[in-house]
ModelCIF file with pLDDT and N, C-alpha, C, O atoms, coordinates in Angstrom:
data_MODEL
#
_entry.id   MODEL 
#
_entity.id                         1 
_entity.type                       polymer 
_entity.pdbx_number_of_molecules   1 
#
_entity_poly.entity_id                      1 
_entity_poly.type                           'polypeptide(L)' 
_entity_poly.nstd_linkage                   no 
_entity_poly.nstd_monomer                   no 
_entity_poly.pdbx_seq_one_letter_code       
;(UNK)(UNK)(UNK)(UNK)(UNK)(UNK)(UNK)(UNK)(UNK)(UNK)(UNK)(UNK)(UNK)(UNK)(UNK)(UNK)
(UNK)(UNK)(UNK)(UNK)(UNK)(UNK)(UNK)(UNK)(UNK)(UNK)(UNK)(UNK)(UNK)(UNK)(UNK)(UNK)
(UNK)(UNK)
;
_entity_poly.pdbx_seq_one_letter_code_can   XXXXXXXXXXXXXXXXXXXXXXXXXXXXXXXXXX 
_entity_poly.pdbx_strand_id                 A 
#
loop_
_entity_poly_seq.entity_id 
_entity_poly_seq.num 
_entity_poly_seq.mon_id 
_entity_poly_seq.hetero 
1 1  UNK n 
1 2  UNK n 
1 3  UNK n 
1 4  UNK n 
1 5  UNK n 
1 6  UNK n 
1 7  UNK n 
1 8  UNK n 
1 9  UNK n 
1 10 UNK n 
1 11 UNK n 
1 12 UNK n 
1 13 UNK n 
1 14 UNK n 
1 15 UNK n 
1 16 UNK n 
1 17 UNK n 
1 18 UNK n 
1 19 UNK n 
1 20 UNK n 
1 21 UNK n 
1 22 UNK n 
1 23 UNK n 
1 24 UNK n 
1 25 UNK n 
1 26 UNK n 
1 27 UNK n 
1 28 UNK n 
1 29 UNK n 
1 30 UNK n 
1 31 UNK n 
1 32 UNK n 
1 33 UNK n 
1 34 UNK n 
#
_struct_asym.id          A 
_struct_asym.entity_id   1 
#
loop_
_ma_qa_metric.id 
_ma_qa_metric.mode 
_ma_qa_metric.name 
_ma_qa_metric.software_group_id 
_ma_qa_metric.type 
1 global pLDDT . pLDDT 
2 local  pLDDT . pLDDT 
#
_ma_qa_metric_global.metric_id      1 
_ma_qa_metric_global.metric_value   88.88 
_ma_qa_metric_global.model_id       1 
_ma_qa_metric_global.ordinal_id     1 
#
loop_
_ma_qa_metric_local.label_asym_id 
_ma_qa_metric_local.label_comp_id 
_ma_qa_metric_local.label_seq_id 
_ma_qa_metric_local.metric_id 
_ma_qa_metric_local.metric_value 
_ma_qa_metric_local.model_id 
_ma_qa_metric_local.ordinal_id 
A UNK 1  2 96.00 1 1  
A UNK 2  2 96.00 1 2  
A UNK 3  2 96.00 1 3  
A UNK 4  2 95.00 1 4  
A UNK 5  2 94.00 1 5  
A UNK 6  2 93.00 1 6  
A UNK 7  2 91.00 1 7  
A UNK 8  2 91.00 1 8  
A UNK 9  2 90.00 1 9  
A UNK 10 2 93.00 1 10 
A UNK 11 2 94.00 1 11 
A UNK 12 2 95.00 1 12 
A UNK 13 2 94.00 1 13 
A UNK 14 2 93.00 1 14 
A UNK 15 2 90.00 1 15 
A UNK 16 2 84.00 1 16 
A UNK 17 2 78.00 1 17 
A UNK 18 2 77.00 1 18 
A UNK 19 2 84.00 1 19 
A UNK 20 2 87.00 1 20 
A UNK 21 2 81.00 1 21 
A UNK 22 2 80.00 1 22 
A UNK 23 2 85.00 1 23 
A UNK 24 2 87.00 1 24 
A UNK 25 2 80.00 1 25 
A UNK 26 2 78.00 1 26 
A UNK 27 2 83.00 1 27 
A UNK 28 2 87.00 1 28 
A UNK 29 2 89.00 1 29 
A UNK 30 2 90.00 1 30 
A UNK 31 2 92.00 1 31 
A UNK 32 2 93.00 1 32 
A UNK 33 2 93.00 1 33 
A UNK 34 2 93.00 1 34 
#
loop_
_atom_site.group_PDB 
_atom_site.id 
_atom_site.type_symbol 
_atom_site.label_atom_id 
_atom_site.label_alt_id 
_atom_site.label_comp_id 
_atom_site.label_asym_id 
_atom_site.label_entity_id 
_atom_site.label_seq_id 
_atom_site.pdbx_PDB_ins_code 
_atom_site.Cartn_x 
_atom_site.Cartn_y 
_atom_site.Cartn_z 
_atom_site.occupancy 
_atom_site.B_iso_or_equiv 
_atom_site.pdbx_formal_charge 
_atom_site.auth_seq_id 
_atom_site.auth_comp_id 
_atom_site.auth_asym_id 
_atom_site.auth_atom_id 
_atom_site.pdbx_PDB_model_num 
ATOM 1   N N  . UNK A 1 1  ? 6.068  -24.687 -18.847 1.00 96.00 ? 1  UNK A N  1 
ATOM 2   C CA . UNK A 1 1  ? 5.318  -24.748 -17.643 1.00 96.00 ? 1  UNK A CA 1 
ATOM 3   C C  . UNK A 1 1  ? 5.789  -23.590 -16.785 1.00 96.00 ? 1  UNK A C  1 
ATOM 4   O O  . UNK A 1 1  ? 5.033  -22.677 -16.454 1.00 96.00 ? 1  UNK A O  1 
ATOM 5   N N  . UNK A 1 2  ? 7.290  -23.672 -16.375 1.00 96.00 ? 2  UNK A N  1 
ATOM 6   C CA . UNK A 1 2  ? 7.552  -22.773 -15.316 1.00 96.00 ? 2  UNK A CA 1 
ATOM 7   C C  . UNK A 1 2  ? 7.673  -20.830 -15.877 1.00 96.00 ? 2  UNK A C  1 
ATOM 8   O O  . UNK A 1 2  ? 7.846  -19.752 -15.308 1.00 96.00 ? 2  UNK A O  1 
ATOM 9   N N  . UNK A 1 3  ? 7.408  -21.437 -17.620 1.00 96.00 ? 3  UNK A N  1 
ATOM 10  C CA . UNK A 1 3  ? 7.604  -19.747 -18.224 1.00 96.00 ? 3  UNK A CA 1 
ATOM 11  C C  . UNK A 1 3  ? 5.851  -19.064 -17.562 1.00 96.00 ? 3  UNK A C  1 
ATOM 12  O O  . UNK A 1 3  ? 5.500  -18.032 -16.990 1.00 96.00 ? 3  UNK A O  1 
ATOM 13  N N  . UNK A 1 4  ? 5.186  -20.250 -18.022 1.00 95.00 ? 4  UNK A N  1 
ATOM 14  C CA . UNK A 1 4  ? 3.628  -19.639 -18.190 1.00 95.00 ? 4  UNK A CA 1 
ATOM 15  C C  . UNK A 1 4  ? 2.886  -19.119 -16.843 1.00 95.00 ? 4  UNK A C  1 
ATOM 16  O O  . UNK A 1 4  ? 2.052  -18.238 -16.631 1.00 95.00 ? 4  UNK A O  1 
ATOM 17  N N  . UNK A 1 5  ? 3.861  -20.471 -15.674 1.00 94.00 ? 5  UNK A N  1 
ATOM 18  C CA . UNK A 1 5  ? 3.894  -20.127 -14.246 1.00 94.00 ? 5  UNK A CA 1 
ATOM 19  C C  . UNK A 1 5  ? 4.008  -18.789 -13.635 1.00 94.00 ? 5  UNK A C  1 
ATOM 20  O O  . UNK A 1 5  ? 3.205  -18.291 -12.846 1.00 94.00 ? 5  UNK A O  1 
ATOM 21  N N  . UNK A 1 6  ? 5.043  -18.290 -14.066 1.00 93.00 ? 6  UNK A N  1 
ATOM 22  C CA . UNK A 1 6  ? 5.778  -17.195 -13.639 1.00 93.00 ? 6  UNK A CA 1 
ATOM 23  C C  . UNK A 1 6  ? 4.767  -16.261 -14.075 1.00 93.00 ? 6  UNK A C  1 
ATOM 24  O O  . UNK A 1 6  ? 4.264  -15.473 -13.273 1.00 93.00 ? 6  UNK A O  1 
ATOM 25  N N  . UNK A 1 7  ? 4.292  -16.311 -15.818 1.00 91.00 ? 7  UNK A N  1 
ATOM 26  C CA . UNK A 1 7  ? 3.494  -14.750 -15.859 1.00 91.00 ? 7  UNK A CA 1 
ATOM 27  C C  . UNK A 1 7  ? 2.424  -14.771 -15.363 1.00 91.00 ? 7  UNK A C  1 
ATOM 28  O O  . UNK A 1 7  ? 1.851  -13.683 -15.418 1.00 91.00 ? 7  UNK A O  1 
ATOM 29  N N  . UNK A 1 8  ? 1.624  -15.943 -14.655 1.00 91.00 ? 8  UNK A N  1 
ATOM 30  C CA . UNK A 1 8  ? -0.071 -16.029 -13.901 1.00 91.00 ? 8  UNK A CA 1 
ATOM 31  C C  . UNK A 1 8  ? 0.271  -15.937 -12.389 1.00 91.00 ? 8  UNK A C  1 
ATOM 32  O O  . UNK A 1 8  ? -0.616 -16.180 -11.571 1.00 91.00 ? 8  UNK A O  1 
ATOM 33  N N  . UNK A 1 9  ? 2.006  -15.466 -11.827 1.00 90.00 ? 9  UNK A N  1 
ATOM 34  C CA . UNK A 1 9  ? 2.317  -15.276 -10.584 1.00 90.00 ? 9  UNK A CA 1 
ATOM 35  C C  . UNK A 1 9  ? 2.508  -16.493 -9.739  1.00 90.00 ? 9  UNK A C  1 
ATOM 36  O O  . UNK A 1 9  ? 2.242  -16.652 -8.548  1.00 90.00 ? 9  UNK A O  1 
ATOM 37  N N  . UNK A 1 10 ? 3.009  -17.293 -10.582 1.00 93.00 ? 10 UNK A N  1 
ATOM 38  C CA . UNK A 1 10 ? 3.205  -19.115 -9.264  1.00 93.00 ? 10 UNK A CA 1 
ATOM 39  C C  . UNK A 1 10 ? 4.846  -19.308 -9.638  1.00 93.00 ? 10 UNK A C  1 
ATOM 40  O O  . UNK A 1 10 ? 5.514  -18.931 -10.601 1.00 93.00 ? 10 UNK A O  1 
ATOM 41  N N  . UNK A 1 11 ? 5.140  -20.001 -8.534  1.00 94.00 ? 11 UNK A N  1 
ATOM 42  C CA . UNK A 1 11 ? 6.729  -19.959 -8.611  1.00 94.00 ? 11 UNK A CA 1 
ATOM 43  C C  . UNK A 1 11 ? 6.944  -21.034 -9.173  1.00 94.00 ? 11 UNK A C  1 
ATOM 44  O O  . UNK A 1 11 ? 6.176  -21.995 -9.135  1.00 94.00 ? 11 UNK A O  1 
ATOM 45  N N  . UNK A 1 12 ? 8.558  -20.975 -10.057 1.00 95.00 ? 12 UNK A N  1 
ATOM 46  C CA . UNK A 1 12 ? 8.470  -22.157 -10.628 1.00 95.00 ? 12 UNK A CA 1 
ATOM 47  C C  . UNK A 1 12 ? 8.980  -23.844 -9.928  1.00 95.00 ? 12 UNK A C  1 
ATOM 48  O O  . UNK A 1 12 ? 9.330  -23.910 -8.750  1.00 95.00 ? 12 UNK A O  1 
ATOM 49  N N  . UNK A 1 13 ? 8.956  -24.929 -10.701 1.00 94.00 ? 13 UNK A N  1 
ATOM 50  C CA . UNK A 1 13 ? 9.008  -26.193 -10.136 1.00 94.00 ? 13 UNK A CA 1 
ATOM 51  C C  . UNK A 1 13 ? 9.392  -27.179 -10.926 1.00 94.00 ? 13 UNK A C  1 
ATOM 52  O O  . UNK A 1 13 ? 9.566  -26.878 -12.106 1.00 94.00 ? 13 UNK A O  1 
ATOM 53  N N  . UNK A 1 14 ? 9.613  -28.519 -10.533 1.00 93.00 ? 14 UNK A N  1 
ATOM 54  C CA . UNK A 1 14 ? 10.489 -29.755 -11.297 1.00 93.00 ? 14 UNK A CA 1 
ATOM 55  C C  . UNK A 1 14 ? 9.576  -30.565 -11.080 1.00 93.00 ? 14 UNK A C  1 
ATOM 56  O O  . UNK A 1 14 ? 8.586  -30.518 -10.351 1.00 93.00 ? 14 UNK A O  1 
ATOM 57  N N  . UNK A 1 15 ? 10.020 -31.403 -11.843 1.00 90.00 ? 15 UNK A N  1 
ATOM 58  C CA . UNK A 1 15 ? 9.172  -33.084 -11.873 1.00 90.00 ? 15 UNK A CA 1 
ATOM 59  C C  . UNK A 1 15 ? 9.563  -33.698 -10.241 1.00 90.00 ? 15 UNK A C  1 
ATOM 60  O O  . UNK A 1 15 ? 10.720 -33.775 -9.827  1.00 90.00 ? 15 UNK A O  1 
ATOM 61  N N  . UNK A 1 16 ? 8.568  -34.028 -9.594  1.00 84.00 ? 16 UNK A N  1 
ATOM 62  C CA . UNK A 1 16 ? 8.916  -34.336 -8.318  1.00 84.00 ? 16 UNK A CA 1 
ATOM 63  C C  . UNK A 1 16 ? 8.650  -36.187 -8.019  1.00 84.00 ? 16 UNK A C  1 
ATOM 64  O O  . UNK A 1 16 ? 7.655  -36.761 -8.459  1.00 84.00 ? 16 UNK A O  1 
ATOM 65  N N  . UNK A 1 17 ? 9.747  -36.902 -7.205  1.00 78.00 ? 17 UNK A N  1 
ATOM 66  C CA . UNK A 1 17 ? 9.889  -38.489 -7.234  1.00 78.00 ? 17 UNK A CA 1 
ATOM 67  C C  . UNK A 1 17 ? 8.518  -38.960 -6.456  1.00 78.00 ? 17 UNK A C  1 
ATOM 68  O O  . UNK A 1 17 ? 7.907  -39.942 -6.878  1.00 78.00 ? 17 UNK A O  1 
ATOM 69  N N  . UNK A 1 18 ? 8.162  -38.400 -5.575  1.00 77.00 ? 18 UNK A N  1 
ATOM 70  C CA . UNK A 1 18 ? 7.689  -38.788 -4.793  1.00 77.00 ? 18 UNK A CA 1 
ATOM 71  C C  . UNK A 1 18 ? 5.919  -38.667 -5.000  1.00 77.00 ? 18 UNK A C  1 
ATOM 72  O O  . UNK A 1 18 ? 5.061  -39.415 -4.531  1.00 77.00 ? 18 UNK A O  1 
ATOM 73  N N  . UNK A 1 19 ? 5.767  -37.609 -5.756  1.00 84.00 ? 19 UNK A N  1 
ATOM 74  C CA . UNK A 1 19 ? 4.372  -37.673 -6.484  1.00 84.00 ? 19 UNK A CA 1 
ATOM 75  C C  . UNK A 1 19 ? 4.192  -38.542 -7.947  1.00 84.00 ? 19 UNK A C  1 
ATOM 76  O O  . UNK A 1 19 ? 3.322  -39.387 -8.158  1.00 84.00 ? 19 UNK A O  1 
ATOM 77  N N  . UNK A 1 20 ? 5.076  -38.175 -8.737  1.00 87.00 ? 20 UNK A N  1 
ATOM 78  C CA . UNK A 1 20 ? 5.509  -39.151 -9.981  1.00 87.00 ? 20 UNK A CA 1 
ATOM 79  C C  . UNK A 1 20 ? 5.241  -40.965 -9.470  1.00 87.00 ? 20 UNK A C  1 
ATOM 80  O O  . UNK A 1 20 ? 4.430  -41.768 -9.932  1.00 87.00 ? 20 UNK A O  1 
ATOM 81  N N  . UNK A 1 21 ? 6.152  -41.130 -8.493  1.00 81.00 ? 21 UNK A N  1 
ATOM 82  C CA . UNK A 1 21 ? 5.922  -42.703 -7.899  1.00 81.00 ? 21 UNK A CA 1 
ATOM 83  C C  . UNK A 1 21 ? 4.453  -42.715 -7.469  1.00 81.00 ? 21 UNK A C  1 
ATOM 84  O O  . UNK A 1 21 ? 3.769  -43.707 -7.721  1.00 81.00 ? 21 UNK A O  1 
ATOM 85  N N  . UNK A 1 22 ? 4.008  -41.804 -6.918  1.00 80.00 ? 22 UNK A N  1 
ATOM 86  C CA . UNK A 1 22 ? 2.583  -42.201 -6.069  1.00 80.00 ? 22 UNK A CA 1 
ATOM 87  C C  . UNK A 1 22 ? 1.516  -42.210 -7.530  1.00 80.00 ? 22 UNK A C  1 
ATOM 88  O O  . UNK A 1 22 ? 0.594  -43.020 -7.633  1.00 80.00 ? 22 UNK A O  1 
ATOM 89  N N  . UNK A 1 23 ? 1.853  -41.108 -8.657  1.00 85.00 ? 23 UNK A N  1 
ATOM 90  C CA . UNK A 1 23 ? 0.810  -41.664 -10.036 1.00 85.00 ? 23 UNK A CA 1 
ATOM 91  C C  . UNK A 1 23 ? 1.024  -42.982 -10.486 1.00 85.00 ? 23 UNK A C  1 
ATOM 92  O O  . UNK A 1 23 ? 0.047  -43.719 -10.621 1.00 85.00 ? 23 UNK A O  1 
ATOM 93  N N  . UNK A 1 24 ? 1.746  -43.239 -10.645 1.00 87.00 ? 24 UNK A N  1 
ATOM 94  C CA . UNK A 1 24 ? 2.514  -44.804 -11.160 1.00 87.00 ? 24 UNK A CA 1 
ATOM 95  C C  . UNK A 1 24 ? 1.904  -45.617 -10.377 1.00 87.00 ? 24 UNK A C  1 
ATOM 96  O O  . UNK A 1 24 ? 1.033  -46.327 -10.880 1.00 87.00 ? 24 UNK A O  1 
ATOM 97  N N  . UNK A 1 25 ? 2.115  -45.699 -9.340  1.00 80.00 ? 25 UNK A N  1 
ATOM 98  C CA . UNK A 1 25 ? 1.654  -47.102 -8.663  1.00 80.00 ? 25 UNK A CA 1 
ATOM 99  C C  . UNK A 1 25 ? 0.299  -47.110 -8.276  1.00 80.00 ? 25 UNK A C  1 
ATOM 100 O O  . UNK A 1 25 ? -0.240 -48.198 -8.070  1.00 80.00 ? 25 UNK A O  1 
ATOM 101 N N  . UNK A 1 26 ? -0.300 -46.112 -8.152  1.00 78.00 ? 26 UNK A N  1 
ATOM 102 C CA . UNK A 1 26 ? -1.524 -45.529 -8.300  1.00 78.00 ? 26 UNK A CA 1 
ATOM 103 C C  . UNK A 1 26 ? -2.475 -46.110 -9.646  1.00 78.00 ? 26 UNK A C  1 
ATOM 104 O O  . UNK A 1 26 ? -3.696 -46.177 -9.505  1.00 78.00 ? 26 UNK A O  1 
ATOM 105 N N  . UNK A 1 27 ? -1.902 -46.475 -10.801 1.00 83.00 ? 27 UNK A N  1 
ATOM 106 C CA . UNK A 1 27 ? -2.234 -46.648 -11.674 1.00 83.00 ? 27 UNK A CA 1 
ATOM 107 C C  . UNK A 1 27 ? -2.451 -45.861 -13.126 1.00 83.00 ? 27 UNK A C  1 
ATOM 108 O O  . UNK A 1 27 ? -3.188 -46.141 -14.071 1.00 83.00 ? 27 UNK A O  1 
ATOM 109 N N  . UNK A 1 28 ? -1.291 -44.503 -12.876 1.00 87.00 ? 28 UNK A N  1 
ATOM 110 C CA . UNK A 1 28 ? -1.212 -43.711 -14.226 1.00 87.00 ? 28 UNK A CA 1 
ATOM 111 C C  . UNK A 1 28 ? -0.593 -44.190 -15.045 1.00 87.00 ? 28 UNK A C  1 
ATOM 112 O O  . UNK A 1 28 ? 0.079  -45.104 -14.566 1.00 87.00 ? 28 UNK A O  1 
ATOM 113 N N  . UNK A 1 29 ? -0.398 -44.030 -16.381 1.00 89.00 ? 29 UNK A N  1 
ATOM 114 C CA . UNK A 1 29 ? 0.455  -44.360 -17.092 1.00 89.00 ? 29 UNK A CA 1 
ATOM 115 C C  . UNK A 1 29 ? -0.171 -43.841 -18.550 1.00 89.00 ? 29 UNK A C  1 
ATOM 116 O O  . UNK A 1 29 ? -0.289 -44.672 -19.450 1.00 89.00 ? 29 UNK A O  1 
ATOM 117 N N  . UNK A 1 30 ? -0.541 -42.556 -18.756 1.00 90.00 ? 30 UNK A N  1 
ATOM 118 C CA . UNK A 1 30 ? -0.160 -41.402 -19.295 1.00 90.00 ? 30 UNK A CA 1 
ATOM 119 C C  . UNK A 1 30 ? -0.645 -40.205 -19.141 1.00 90.00 ? 30 UNK A C  1 
ATOM 120 O O  . UNK A 1 30 ? -1.346 -39.955 -18.160 1.00 90.00 ? 30 UNK A O  1 
ATOM 121 N N  . UNK A 1 31 ? -0.310 -39.114 -20.228 1.00 92.00 ? 31 UNK A N  1 
ATOM 122 C CA . UNK A 1 31 ? 0.201  -37.859 -19.902 1.00 92.00 ? 31 UNK A CA 1 
ATOM 123 C C  . UNK A 1 31 ? -1.207 -37.645 -19.609 1.00 92.00 ? 31 UNK A C  1 
ATOM 124 O O  . UNK A 1 31 ? -1.195 -36.728 -18.787 1.00 92.00 ? 31 UNK A O  1 
ATOM 125 N N  . UNK A 1 32 ? -2.539 -38.017 -19.847 1.00 93.00 ? 32 UNK A N  1 
ATOM 126 C CA . UNK A 1 32 ? -3.810 -37.712 -18.702 1.00 93.00 ? 32 UNK A CA 1 
ATOM 127 C C  . UNK A 1 32 ? -3.403 -37.505 -17.116 1.00 93.00 ? 32 UNK A C  1 
ATOM 128 O O  . UNK A 1 32 ? -3.482 -36.362 -16.667 1.00 93.00 ? 32 UNK A O  1 
ATOM 129 N N  . UNK A 1 33 ? -3.137 -38.162 -16.591 1.00 93.00 ? 33 UNK A N  1 
ATOM 130 C CA . UNK A 1 33 ? -2.780 -38.799 -15.311 1.00 93.00 ? 33 UNK A CA 1 
ATOM 131 C C  . UNK A 1 33 ? -2.243 -37.221 -14.818 1.00 93.00 ? 33 UNK A C  1 
ATOM 132 O O  . UNK A 1 33 ? -2.643 -36.782 -13.739 1.00 93.00 ? 33 UNK A O  1 
ATOM 133 N N  . UNK A 1 34 ? -1.459 -36.535 -15.546 1.00 93.00 ? 34 UNK A N  1 
ATOM 134 C CA . UNK A 1 34 ? -0.754 -35.447 -15.169 1.00 93.00 ? 34 UNK A CA 1 
ATOM 135 C C  . UNK A 1 34 ? -1.728 -34.136 -15.096 1.00 93.00 ? 34 UNK A C  1 
ATOM 136 O O  . UNK A 1 34 ? -1.268 -33.042 -14.769 1.00 93.00 ? 34 UNK A O  1 
#
């Protein structure tokens, strides 16, 4: 993800606890949620 983002002009990042917990608490269970 970071390598392809860099090719198209995006800054690198990482898994984020706040967003991941929000996803799970809201009902996300599979990769489709991402």
